[in-house]
Amino acid sequence: MRRGGTFARQVLLVRVARRHDEMALPATVVRQARRDSDGMDVARFGVDAVTAREIESIAPVSPAVGPAGPAPDADAGISVPLLPGERTLARRAKFALVNACTLASLGLGLLAIFLAMQGDVRLAAAFLIACVIFDGLDGALARKLGVSSPFGAQMDSLADMCSFGLAAPVVVYASLAGTVPTAGAAVACALVAGCAAIRLARFNVSPKDGRFFCGVPTTMAAAVLALAVLIGLPLPGLAKLAVVALLAFAMVSSFPYAKLARLIKLPPWLWLLPLVGALIDIRLTFVMIVVGYLVSGPLLWLRQRRAV
């Protein structure tokens, strides 16, 4: 279909002229002109013995293309603000404070990894507890100060993956070294990392429930692992591996677990029991609290199924 460069230029001129005329005429006139031009000679546009149908088959024009060329992308060059709403100096300072807490959690998680690699396992576990505190603080501050944003939510998830999905398994692996087979410890800790990634990704794309978590939160799982390392639970090696694997699968389960806001509303006397128990035997009390929380998910799930 090579017709020469001159013909191609004439075709383009015809198309430009037609679009220019159509833009200037009413819609009814344009439709009538299109019907009449199917078999009409277009010599009046400067091209002899070529029908409009041939021209359109050779040089079709996209609706998005006008006389001035392709329409510019409406989103090109537009940057999405990290902080929605009014961008005053005070709000920016609050926004920076909240993200500083998130970065502090990330930095403490990295420090926990470095300490675990050097053999300071309990100190690394203490830094993981600090990660949990800062992780809860940034969300609470964002809501209280009114600077919640999609950027902050995504940044918090990335920090959680580093601190709780990577640092926590590394600390646990270091604590299990020499007490369990290396392959078993590696598999159990890899389960924690993989399930944490799955849970965080699912949380980002799932509708939020103000009352319950779907599965054990990564923050809670990391806190349990860190406290278990910090207080030194006297469990056999295989039992420790089973607990680590159980927490990993609990993160990706569909069981509902109560949020902290609901736990705080429990009767005060229920909070006295763990405090008194911690004074008597902190390890046994810790185990009972963890088991009670893990069992609460399946019980709530059964209750909801019966209510349907």
Protein backbone atom coordinates (compact mmCIF):
# COMPACT_ATOMS: atom_id res chain seq x y z
CA MET A 1 0.00 0.00 0.00
CA ARG A 2 2.86 2.34 -0.63
CA ARG A 3 1.39 5.48 -2.21
CA GLY A 4 4.28 7.83 -1.66
CA GLY A 5 4.98 10.44 0.97
CA THR A 6 2.87 13.08 -0.84
CA PHE A 7 -0.29 11.01 -0.63
CA ALA A 8 0.27 10.31 3.09
CA ARG A 9 0.61 14.02 3.79
CA GLN A 10 -2.57 14.71 1.81
CA VAL A 11 -4.43 12.06 3.78
CA LEU A 12 -3.40 13.68 7.05
CA LEU A 13 -4.45 17.09 5.76
CA VAL A 14 -7.84 15.67 4.82
CA ARG A 15 -8.35 14.21 8.27
CA VAL A 16 -7.32 17.44 9.99
CA ALA A 17 -9.65 19.45 7.75
CA ARG A 18 -12.56 17.09 8.38
CA ARG A 19 -12.13 17.22 12.16
CA HIS A 20 -11.82 20.99 12.05
CA ASP A 21 -15.03 21.25 10.05
CA GLU A 22 -16.86 18.81 12.31
CA MET A 23 -15.89 20.77 15.40
CA ALA A 24 -17.31 23.93 13.85
CA LEU A 25 -20.64 22.37 12.68
CA PRO A 26 -23.63 21.21 14.69
CA ALA A 27 -23.84 17.48 15.49
CA THR A 28 -26.73 16.88 13.07
CA VAL A 29 -24.85 18.45 10.17
CA VAL A 30 -21.77 16.39 10.95
CA ARG A 31 -23.72 13.13 11.00
CA GLN A 32 -25.39 14.01 7.68
CA ALA A 33 -22.04 14.92 6.12
CA ARG A 34 -20.57 11.61 7.25
CA ARG A 35 -23.44 9.67 5.67
CA ASP A 36 -23.07 11.58 2.41
CA SER A 37 -19.30 11.18 2.27
CA ASP A 38 -19.24 7.35 2.19
CA GLY A 39 -19.21 7.26 -1.58
CA MET A 40 -18.38 10.87 -2.37
CA ASP A 41 -15.27 12.05 -4.20
CA VAL A 42 -13.08 14.07 -1.83
CA ALA A 43 -11.35 16.14 -4.49
CA ARG A 44 -12.63 19.24 -2.72
CA PHE A 45 -10.08 18.47 0.02
CA GLY A 46 -7.20 18.32 -2.44
CA VAL A 47 -7.13 14.55 -3.07
CA ASP A 48 -8.42 13.15 -6.37
CA ALA A 49 -10.24 9.84 -6.85
CA VAL A 50 -9.93 8.71 -3.23
CA THR A 51 -13.00 8.08 -1.17
CA ALA A 52 -13.43 8.98 2.46
CA ARG A 53 -13.68 5.31 3.35
CA GLU A 54 -10.24 4.61 1.82
CA ILE A 55 -8.73 7.51 3.74
CA GLU A 56 -10.14 6.28 7.04
CA SER A 57 -8.83 2.76 6.36
CA ILE A 58 -5.36 4.16 5.68
CA ALA A 59 -5.14 6.84 8.37
CA PRO A 60 -7.69 6.24 11.14
CA VAL A 61 -7.80 8.92 13.76
CA SER A 62 -8.27 8.07 17.43
CA PRO A 63 -10.95 10.05 19.27
CA ALA A 64 -8.27 11.16 21.71
CA VAL A 65 -6.25 12.77 18.91
CA GLY A 66 -7.17 16.29 17.83
CA PRO A 67 -5.83 18.82 15.36
CA ALA A 68 -3.09 19.73 17.81
CA GLY A 69 -1.98 16.11 18.29
CA PRO A 70 -2.59 13.64 21.15
CA ALA A 71 -4.36 15.04 24.18
CA PRO A 72 -1.98 15.43 27.09
CA ASP A 73 -2.33 13.03 29.99
CA ALA A 74 -4.31 14.71 32.73
CA ASP A 75 -2.27 12.98 35.43
CA ALA A 76 1.14 13.65 33.90
CA GLY A 77 3.33 15.83 36.02
CA ILE A 78 0.85 16.00 38.92
CA SER A 79 2.33 14.97 42.28
CA VAL A 80 0.02 13.59 44.96
CA PRO A 81 0.47 15.45 48.27
CA LEU A 82 1.67 13.28 51.13
CA LEU A 83 -0.51 15.18 53.59
CA PRO A 84 -4.09 15.72 52.39
CA GLY A 85 -5.98 18.81 53.48
CA GLU A 86 -4.68 22.14 54.68
CA ARG A 87 -0.88 22.26 54.61
CA THR A 88 -0.09 24.71 57.38
CA LEU A 89 3.17 24.75 59.29
CA ALA A 90 1.51 23.29 62.38
CA ARG A 91 -0.01 20.36 60.46
CA ARG A 92 3.29 19.69 58.75
CA ALA A 93 5.02 19.58 62.12
CA LYS A 94 2.43 17.11 63.42
CA PHE A 95 2.79 15.03 60.27
CA ALA A 96 6.56 14.98 60.70
CA LEU A 97 6.20 13.91 64.35
CA VAL A 98 3.97 10.98 63.44
CA ASN A 99 6.31 9.78 60.69
CA ALA A 100 9.28 10.22 63.03
CA CYS A 101 7.66 7.65 65.32
CA THR A 102 7.27 5.27 62.37
CA LEU A 103 10.92 5.75 61.40
CA ALA A 104 11.94 5.23 65.04
CA SER A 105 10.15 1.87 65.02
CA LEU A 106 11.97 0.97 61.81
CA GLY A 107 15.35 2.04 63.21
CA LEU A 108 14.83 0.11 66.45
CA GLY A 109 13.97 -2.98 64.43
CA LEU A 110 17.23 -2.70 62.50
CA LEU A 111 19.12 -2.22 65.75
CA ALA A 112 17.47 -5.37 67.13
CA ILE A 113 18.76 -7.30 64.10
CA PHE A 114 22.30 -6.00 64.63
CA LEU A 115 22.23 -6.88 68.34
CA ALA A 116 20.89 -10.38 67.63
CA MET A 117 23.71 -10.94 65.13
CA GLN A 118 26.20 -10.01 67.85
CA GLY A 119 24.62 -12.40 70.37
CA ASP A 120 22.83 -9.82 72.58
CA VAL A 121 19.51 -11.60 72.20
CA ARG A 122 17.69 -10.25 75.26
CA LEU A 123 18.70 -6.68 74.53
CA ALA A 124 17.50 -7.19 70.96
CA ALA A 125 14.16 -8.44 72.31
CA ALA A 126 13.91 -5.31 74.48
CA PHE A 127 14.36 -3.14 71.37
CA LEU A 128 11.59 -5.12 69.69
CA ILE A 129 9.30 -4.18 72.58
CA ALA A 130 10.27 -0.56 71.96
CA CYS A 131 9.30 -1.08 68.29
CA VAL A 132 5.85 -2.20 69.40
CA ILE A 133 5.48 0.93 71.56
CA PHE A 134 6.45 3.31 68.77
CA ASP A 135 4.25 1.44 66.30
CA GLY A 136 1.22 1.97 68.52
CA LEU A 137 2.23 5.56 69.21
CA ASP A 138 2.37 6.69 65.58
CA GLY A 139 -1.17 5.49 64.83
CA ALA A 140 -2.59 7.01 68.00
CA LEU A 141 -0.87 10.34 67.32
CA ALA A 142 -2.01 10.40 63.69
CA ARG A 143 -5.65 10.02 64.73
CA LYS A 144 -5.42 12.43 67.64
CA LEU A 145 -3.61 15.14 65.68
CA GLY A 146 -5.76 14.70 62.58
CA VAL A 147 -2.91 13.94 60.17
CA SER A 148 -3.87 10.44 59.06
CA SER A 149 -3.03 9.86 55.41
CA PRO A 150 -2.69 7.00 52.87
CA PHE A 151 1.05 7.71 52.77
CA GLY A 152 1.31 7.22 56.52
CA ALA A 153 -0.64 3.96 56.35
CA GLN A 154 1.63 2.53 53.64
CA MET A 155 4.76 3.71 55.43
CA ASP A 156 3.55 2.10 58.66
CA SER A 157 3.01 -1.22 56.85
CA LEU A 158 6.51 -1.13 55.38
CA ALA A 159 8.02 -0.35 58.79
CA ASP A 160 5.98 -3.16 60.35
CA MET A 161 7.31 -5.62 57.78
CA CYS A 162 10.88 -4.63 58.60
CA SER A 163 10.46 -4.53 62.39
CA PHE A 164 7.98 -7.35 62.98
CA GLY A 165 8.22 -9.41 59.80
CA LEU A 166 12.03 -9.50 59.64
CA ALA A 167 13.57 -8.30 62.91
CA ALA A 168 11.36 -10.49 65.11
CA PRO A 169 12.20 -13.74 63.24
CA VAL A 170 15.91 -12.88 63.31
CA VAL A 171 15.81 -12.32 67.08
CA VAL A 172 13.89 -15.56 67.60
CA TYR A 173 16.31 -17.46 65.38
CA ALA A 174 19.25 -16.14 67.40
CA SER A 175 17.54 -17.15 70.65
CA LEU A 176 16.90 -20.69 69.36
CA ALA A 177 20.47 -21.22 68.18
CA GLY A 178 22.01 -24.29 69.81
CA THR A 179 18.75 -25.49 71.39
CA VAL A 180 16.90 -26.76 68.30
CA PRO A 181 17.98 -28.06 64.89
CA THR A 182 19.09 -25.21 62.65
CA ALA A 183 16.79 -26.26 59.82
CA GLY A 184 13.78 -26.33 62.13
CA ALA A 185 14.53 -22.87 63.50
CA ALA A 186 15.01 -21.51 59.98
CA VAL A 187 11.70 -22.94 58.76
CA ALA A 188 9.75 -21.66 61.78
CA CYS A 189 11.21 -18.15 61.47
CA ALA A 190 10.65 -18.12 57.72
CA LEU A 191 7.00 -18.94 58.41
CA VAL A 192 6.77 -15.87 60.64
CA ALA A 193 8.27 -13.63 57.95
CA GLY A 194 6.07 -15.01 55.16
CA CYS A 195 2.85 -14.91 57.18
CA ALA A 196 3.62 -11.38 58.33
CA ALA A 197 3.96 -10.26 54.71
CA ILE A 198 0.69 -11.98 53.75
CA ARG A 199 -1.15 -10.47 56.71
CA LEU A 200 0.09 -6.92 56.09
CA ALA A 201 -0.79 -7.12 52.39
CA ARG A 202 -4.25 -8.49 53.21
CA PHE A 203 -4.79 -5.79 55.82
CA ASN A 204 -3.96 -3.04 53.29
CA VAL A 205 -6.58 -4.20 50.79
CA SER A 206 -9.31 -5.44 53.16
CA PRO A 207 -12.18 -3.39 54.61
CA LYS A 208 -11.48 -2.32 58.17
CA ASP A 209 -13.48 -3.55 61.16
CA GLY A 210 -13.47 -1.23 64.15
CA ARG A 211 -14.03 -4.07 66.62
CA PHE A 212 -11.90 -7.05 65.59
CA PHE A 213 -8.74 -7.97 63.73
CA CYS A 214 -8.87 -10.74 61.15
CA GLY A 215 -6.08 -12.91 62.50
CA VAL A 216 -3.48 -11.99 65.10
CA PRO A 217 -1.85 -8.63 64.28
CA THR A 218 1.83 -8.68 63.39
CA THR A 219 2.49 -6.25 66.23
CA MET A 220 0.91 -8.61 68.75
CA ALA A 221 2.77 -11.63 67.39
CA ALA A 222 6.10 -9.78 67.53
CA ALA A 223 5.37 -8.61 71.08
CA VAL A 224 4.65 -12.18 72.18
CA LEU A 225 7.86 -13.47 70.58
CA ALA A 226 9.94 -10.66 72.04
CA LEU A 227 8.54 -11.11 75.55
CA ALA A 228 9.06 -14.88 75.32
CA VAL A 229 12.73 -14.29 74.51
CA LEU A 230 13.08 -11.55 77.12
CA ILE A 231 11.69 -13.51 80.07
CA GLY A 232 13.20 -16.82 78.89
CA LEU A 233 10.36 -19.33 78.86
CA PRO A 234 11.53 -22.72 80.18
CA LEU A 235 10.12 -24.74 77.29
CA PRO A 236 11.68 -27.62 75.36
CA GLY A 237 13.14 -26.74 71.98
CA LEU A 238 10.42 -28.47 69.95
CA ALA A 239 7.73 -26.74 72.02
CA LYS A 240 9.31 -23.38 71.21
CA LEU A 241 9.27 -24.20 67.50
CA ALA A 242 5.61 -25.18 67.77
CA VAL A 243 4.74 -21.89 69.47
CA VAL A 244 6.55 -19.88 66.78
CA ALA A 245 4.78 -21.78 63.99
CA LEU A 246 1.42 -21.41 65.76
CA LEU A 247 1.82 -17.64 65.97
CA ALA A 248 2.77 -17.52 62.30
CA PHE A 249 -0.38 -19.37 61.21
CA ALA A 250 -2.52 -17.34 63.64
CA MET A 251 -1.51 -14.17 61.77
CA VAL A 252 -3.02 -15.40 58.50
CA SER A 253 -6.05 -17.09 60.05
CA SER A 254 -9.59 -15.79 59.62
CA PHE A 255 -10.39 -15.87 63.33
CA PRO A 256 -11.55 -12.54 64.84
CA TYR A 257 -9.35 -11.13 67.58
CA ALA A 258 -10.41 -8.20 69.74
CA LYS A 259 -8.63 -4.90 69.29
CA LEU A 260 -6.94 -3.11 72.18
CA ALA A 261 -9.75 -0.55 72.37
CA ARG A 262 -12.19 -3.34 73.24
CA LEU A 263 -9.81 -4.99 75.69
CA ILE A 264 -9.41 -1.75 77.60
CA LYS A 265 -13.18 -1.68 78.19
CA LEU A 266 -13.05 -4.96 80.10
CA PRO A 267 -14.00 -4.83 83.80
CA PRO A 268 -11.14 -3.50 85.97
CA TRP A 269 -10.98 -6.66 88.06
CA LEU A 270 -9.97 -8.63 84.97
CA TRP A 271 -6.89 -6.44 84.67
CA LEU A 272 -5.96 -7.06 88.29
CA LEU A 273 -5.65 -10.80 87.73
CA PRO A 274 -2.64 -10.65 85.36
CA LEU A 275 -0.99 -8.00 87.55
CA VAL A 276 -1.27 -10.18 90.63
CA GLY A 277 -0.22 -13.23 88.64
CA ALA A 278 2.87 -11.42 87.33
CA LEU A 279 3.97 -10.79 90.91
CA ILE A 280 3.62 -14.49 91.71
CA ASP A 281 4.98 -16.10 88.53
CA ILE A 282 5.48 -13.84 85.53
CA ARG A 283 6.28 -16.68 83.13
CA LEU A 284 3.17 -18.70 83.93
CA THR A 285 1.02 -15.58 83.79
CA PHE A 286 2.46 -14.66 80.41
CA VAL A 287 1.73 -18.13 79.01
CA MET A 288 -1.84 -18.05 80.30
CA ILE A 289 -2.50 -14.61 78.76
CA VAL A 290 -1.09 -15.63 75.39
CA VAL A 291 -3.02 -18.92 75.33
CA GLY A 292 -6.21 -17.12 76.37
CA TYR A 293 -5.83 -14.55 73.59
CA LEU A 294 -5.09 -17.18 70.94
CA VAL A 295 -8.06 -19.30 72.01
CA SER A 296 -10.39 -16.27 72.02
CA GLY A 297 -10.25 -16.10 68.20
CA PRO A 298 -11.72 -19.56 67.49
CA LEU A 299 -14.30 -19.07 70.28
CA LEU A 300 -15.49 -15.77 68.82
CA TRP A 301 -15.59 -17.36 65.37
CA LEU A 302 -17.81 -20.20 66.64
CA ARG A 303 -20.05 -17.71 68.39
CA GLN A 304 -20.49 -15.68 65.21
CA ARG A 305 -21.24 -18.83 63.19
CA ARG A 306 -23.96 -19.87 65.63
CA ALA A 307 -25.50 -16.39 65.59
CA VAL A 308 -25.91 -16.48 61.79
